[in-house]
């Protein structure tokens, strides 16, 4: 049940992220650890578990932010699908390539979140400027690469077939 493990980890990491964002008063940017989880399950998980994990992480992001309802579940699943397509060409199973995928997904996710927030909100205070995207991309990539060993413990990869005697 990797889905439950990643959902519980997302809840914990998003709670820590909110505390760090409030403590260091990041007003223009954020550390998007939920997106790092979505990218990881897109490169390593099955389609069903990955889509469920992406939706649950997006829902948790909805709970923790004041953006329009349904925005982050939609964007998380969209990011999952797009990273899954890119993973057909780029192997995201090493730490370095995973970091590059997280950076690209974060930049795209942030721009789409700003666009859809601008599109649906009449209050322009909630719309972040594009100037925070590079810092958000850097912080999310650094967090994703730092959390790589923890993700590997939840999803250790190929397991031997129990029917085969060694």
Protein backbone atom coordinates (compact mmCIF):
# COMPACT_ATOMS: atom_id res chain seq x y z
CA UNK A 1 0.00 0.00 0.00
CA UNK A 2 2.44 2.61 -1.22
CA UNK A 3 -0.49 4.95 -1.76
CA UNK A 4 -1.14 5.18 1.98
CA UNK A 5 2.56 5.59 2.75
CA UNK A 6 2.96 8.47 0.29
CA UNK A 7 -0.29 10.10 1.47
CA UNK A 8 0.81 9.96 5.12
CA UNK A 9 4.25 11.27 4.18
CA UNK A 10 2.63 14.10 2.18
CA UNK A 11 0.52 15.09 5.17
CA UNK A 12 3.57 15.17 7.42
CA UNK A 13 5.78 17.04 4.94
CA UNK A 14 3.08 19.58 4.07
CA UNK A 15 2.61 20.31 7.77
CA UNK A 16 6.35 20.89 8.16
CA UNK A 17 6.36 22.97 4.96
CA UNK A 18 3.60 25.24 6.29
CA UNK A 19 5.54 25.81 9.50
CA UNK A 20 8.72 26.64 7.55
CA UNK A 21 6.89 28.97 5.17
CA UNK A 22 5.33 30.85 8.11
CA UNK A 23 8.57 30.89 10.14
CA UNK A 24 10.77 32.22 7.34
CA UNK A 25 7.90 34.35 5.97
CA UNK A 26 8.10 33.18 2.37
CA UNK A 27 5.47 35.48 0.94
CA UNK A 28 6.35 35.16 -2.73
CA UNK A 29 7.31 31.50 -2.92
CA UNK A 30 6.89 28.14 -1.23
CA UNK A 31 8.60 24.76 -0.94
CA UNK A 32 6.36 22.36 -2.83
CA UNK A 33 7.28 18.99 -1.29
CA UNK A 34 3.95 17.54 -2.41
CA UNK A 35 4.99 18.03 -6.00
CA UNK A 36 8.25 16.18 -5.34
CA UNK A 37 6.16 13.21 -4.19
CA UNK A 38 3.97 13.41 -7.31
CA UNK A 39 7.04 13.38 -9.56
CA UNK A 40 8.52 10.43 -7.66
CA UNK A 41 5.38 8.30 -7.98
CA UNK A 42 5.08 9.28 -11.64
CA UNK A 43 8.53 7.88 -12.35
CA UNK A 44 8.46 4.87 -10.04
CA UNK A 45 4.88 3.82 -9.27
CA UNK A 46 2.14 2.04 -11.14
CA UNK A 47 -0.45 4.11 -12.96
CA UNK A 48 -3.32 3.50 -10.54
CA UNK A 49 -1.27 3.97 -7.35
CA UNK A 50 0.44 7.00 -8.84
CA UNK A 51 -2.78 8.67 -9.92
CA UNK A 52 -4.38 8.04 -6.52
CA UNK A 53 -1.28 9.36 -4.76
CA UNK A 54 -1.22 12.44 -7.00
CA UNK A 55 -4.88 13.15 -6.32
CA UNK A 56 -4.49 12.73 -2.56
CA UNK A 57 -1.40 14.97 -2.48
CA UNK A 58 -3.28 17.55 -4.54
CA UNK A 59 -6.23 17.37 -2.19
CA UNK A 60 -3.93 17.90 0.79
CA UNK A 61 -2.41 20.90 -0.99
CA UNK A 62 -5.95 22.23 -1.44
CA UNK A 63 -6.53 21.89 2.29
CA UNK A 64 -3.29 23.69 3.18
CA UNK A 65 -3.69 26.61 0.74
CA UNK A 66 -6.40 29.13 0.08
CA UNK A 67 -6.53 28.59 -3.66
CA UNK A 68 -9.75 27.76 -5.54
CA UNK A 69 -11.14 24.36 -4.53
CA UNK A 70 -10.11 21.57 -6.87
CA UNK A 71 -7.17 23.44 -8.37
CA UNK A 72 -4.36 21.40 -6.80
CA UNK A 73 -5.92 17.94 -7.27
CA UNK A 74 -6.39 18.80 -10.95
CA UNK A 75 -2.85 20.15 -11.30
CA UNK A 76 -1.32 17.25 -9.36
CA UNK A 77 -2.97 14.65 -11.59
CA UNK A 78 -2.09 16.70 -14.70
CA UNK A 79 1.52 16.90 -13.51
CA UNK A 80 1.50 13.15 -12.86
CA UNK A 81 0.30 12.45 -16.40
CA UNK A 82 2.78 14.86 -18.01
CA UNK A 83 5.75 13.56 -15.98
CA UNK A 84 4.65 10.02 -16.81
CA UNK A 85 4.78 10.96 -20.52
CA UNK A 86 8.18 12.64 -20.17
CA UNK A 87 9.44 9.60 -18.23
CA UNK A 88 8.91 7.56 -21.40
CA UNK A 89 11.79 9.50 -22.93
CA UNK A 90 13.83 10.59 -19.90
CA UNK A 91 14.73 8.01 -17.27
CA UNK A 92 13.93 9.60 -13.91
CA UNK A 93 15.17 6.73 -11.78
CA UNK A 94 18.49 8.29 -10.80
CA UNK A 95 18.77 11.07 -8.26
CA UNK A 96 20.10 13.63 -10.76
CA UNK A 97 17.49 13.00 -13.45
CA UNK A 98 14.79 12.97 -10.77
CA UNK A 99 15.99 16.41 -9.67
CA UNK A 100 15.72 17.70 -13.23
CA UNK A 101 12.20 16.31 -13.56
CA UNK A 102 11.21 17.93 -10.26
CA UNK A 103 12.61 21.27 -11.43
CA UNK A 104 10.69 21.17 -14.72
CA UNK A 105 7.48 19.97 -13.08
CA UNK A 106 7.71 22.65 -10.39
CA UNK A 107 8.15 25.47 -12.88
CA UNK A 108 5.24 24.23 -15.00
CA UNK A 109 3.05 23.56 -11.97
CA UNK A 110 3.70 27.02 -10.49
CA UNK A 111 2.94 28.82 -13.75
CA UNK A 112 -0.27 26.82 -14.29
CA UNK A 113 -1.36 27.39 -10.67
CA UNK A 114 -0.85 31.14 -11.08
CA UNK A 115 -2.70 31.15 -14.39
CA UNK A 116 -5.72 29.24 -13.11
CA UNK A 117 -5.80 31.31 -9.90
CA UNK A 118 -5.74 34.50 -11.96
CA UNK A 119 -8.43 33.08 -14.22
CA UNK A 120 -10.81 32.17 -11.39
CA UNK A 121 -10.09 34.85 -8.78
CA UNK A 122 -11.20 38.46 -8.78
CA UNK A 123 -8.83 39.25 -5.89
CA UNK A 124 -5.37 39.83 -7.35
CA UNK A 125 -3.62 39.60 -3.96
CA UNK A 126 -3.71 35.79 -4.13
CA UNK A 127 -1.96 35.68 -7.48
CA UNK A 128 1.77 35.23 -7.03
CA UNK A 129 4.16 36.97 -9.35
CA UNK A 130 6.39 35.06 -11.70
CA UNK A 131 9.41 36.37 -9.82
CA UNK A 132 8.94 33.68 -7.15
CA UNK A 133 9.02 30.75 -9.59
CA UNK A 134 12.84 30.38 -9.79
CA UNK A 135 13.18 30.31 -5.99
CA UNK A 136 10.28 27.88 -5.68
CA UNK A 137 11.84 25.66 -8.34
CA UNK A 138 15.19 25.69 -6.54
CA UNK A 139 13.70 25.01 -3.09
CA UNK A 140 11.42 22.23 -4.33
CA UNK A 141 14.23 20.57 -6.29
CA UNK A 142 16.55 20.73 -3.27
CA UNK A 143 13.84 19.30 -1.00
CA UNK A 144 13.02 16.54 -3.50
CA UNK A 145 16.65 15.50 -3.90
CA UNK A 146 17.14 15.59 -0.12
CA UNK A 147 14.02 13.43 0.41
CA UNK A 148 15.03 10.92 -2.29
CA UNK A 149 16.32 8.30 0.24
CA UNK A 150 13.08 8.55 2.23
CA UNK A 151 11.02 8.02 -0.91
CA UNK A 152 13.16 4.99 -1.77
CA UNK A 153 12.37 3.45 1.64
CA UNK A 154 8.63 3.72 1.01
CA UNK A 155 8.96 2.30 -2.51
CA UNK A 156 12.11 0.18 -2.57
CA UNK A 157 11.70 -0.89 -6.18
CA UNK A 158 11.74 -4.40 -7.56
CA UNK A 159 10.95 -7.12 -5.07
CA UNK A 160 11.78 -10.76 -5.67
CA UNK A 161 8.93 -13.04 -6.71
CA UNK A 162 7.81 -15.00 -3.61
CA UNK A 163 7.09 -18.07 -5.73
CA UNK A 164 10.71 -18.43 -6.82
CA UNK A 165 13.02 -20.34 -4.49
CA UNK A 166 16.54 -19.03 -4.40
